[in-house]
Protein backbone atom coordinates (compact mmCIF):
# COMPACT_ATOMS: atom_id res chain seq x y z
CA UNK A 1 0.00 0.00 0.00
CA UNK A 2 1.56 3.28 -1.03
CA UNK A 3 1.43 6.55 0.92
CA UNK A 4 -1.54 7.99 -0.96
CA UNK A 5 -3.68 4.96 -0.14
CA UNK A 6 -2.67 5.17 3.53
CA UNK A 7 -3.64 8.83 3.71
CA UNK A 8 -6.94 8.10 1.97
CA UNK A 9 -7.72 5.43 4.57
CA UNK A 10 -6.93 7.82 7.44
CA UNK A 11 -9.05 10.53 5.82
CA UNK A 12 -12.02 8.19 5.32
CA UNK A 13 -11.85 7.00 8.93
CA UNK A 14 -11.71 10.62 10.11
CA UNK A 15 -14.69 11.62 7.92
CA UNK A 16 -16.64 8.63 9.21
CA UNK A 17 -15.87 9.84 12.75
CA UNK A 18 -17.19 13.30 11.93
CA UNK A 19 -20.38 11.85 10.45
CA UNK A 20 -20.85 9.63 13.51
CA UNK A 21 -20.30 12.60 15.82
CA UNK A 22 -22.86 14.73 13.97
CA UNK A 23 -25.42 11.92 14.04
CA UNK A 24 -25.02 11.54 17.81
CA UNK A 25 -23.10 8.26 17.96
CA UNK A 26 -20.41 9.58 20.26
CA UNK A 27 -18.87 6.24 21.28
CA UNK A 28 -18.44 5.15 17.67
CA UNK A 29 -17.05 8.59 16.79
CA UNK A 30 -14.52 8.33 19.60
CA UNK A 31 -13.38 4.91 18.41
CA UNK A 32 -13.06 6.16 14.83
CA UNK A 33 -11.09 9.26 15.84
CA UNK A 34 -8.78 7.15 17.99
CA UNK A 35 -8.21 4.61 15.23
CA UNK A 36 -7.48 7.39 12.73
CA UNK A 37 -4.94 8.92 15.13
CA UNK A 38 -3.24 5.61 15.86
CA UNK A 39 -3.12 4.57 12.20
CA UNK A 40 -1.79 7.99 11.20
CA UNK A 41 0.92 7.69 13.84
CA UNK A 42 1.89 4.24 12.55
CA UNK A 43 2.05 5.51 8.95
CA UNK A 44 4.23 8.45 10.01
CA UNK A 45 6.65 6.26 11.96
CA UNK A 46 7.01 3.81 9.10
CA UNK A 47 7.67 6.70 6.73
CA UNK A 48 10.33 8.15 9.07
CA UNK A 49 12.05 4.80 9.64
CA UNK A 50 12.29 3.91 5.96
């Protein structure tokens, strides 16, 4: 998976979190925001290490 695909995945998870937050599903939104942050951190560390 190249960098563009990784950033698209992070962006889609983040947008899904925003939609969940607006619709009132706060627990799901929290999980989505956390997973986007963790995945983004993993992608950044892999990019720095390589």
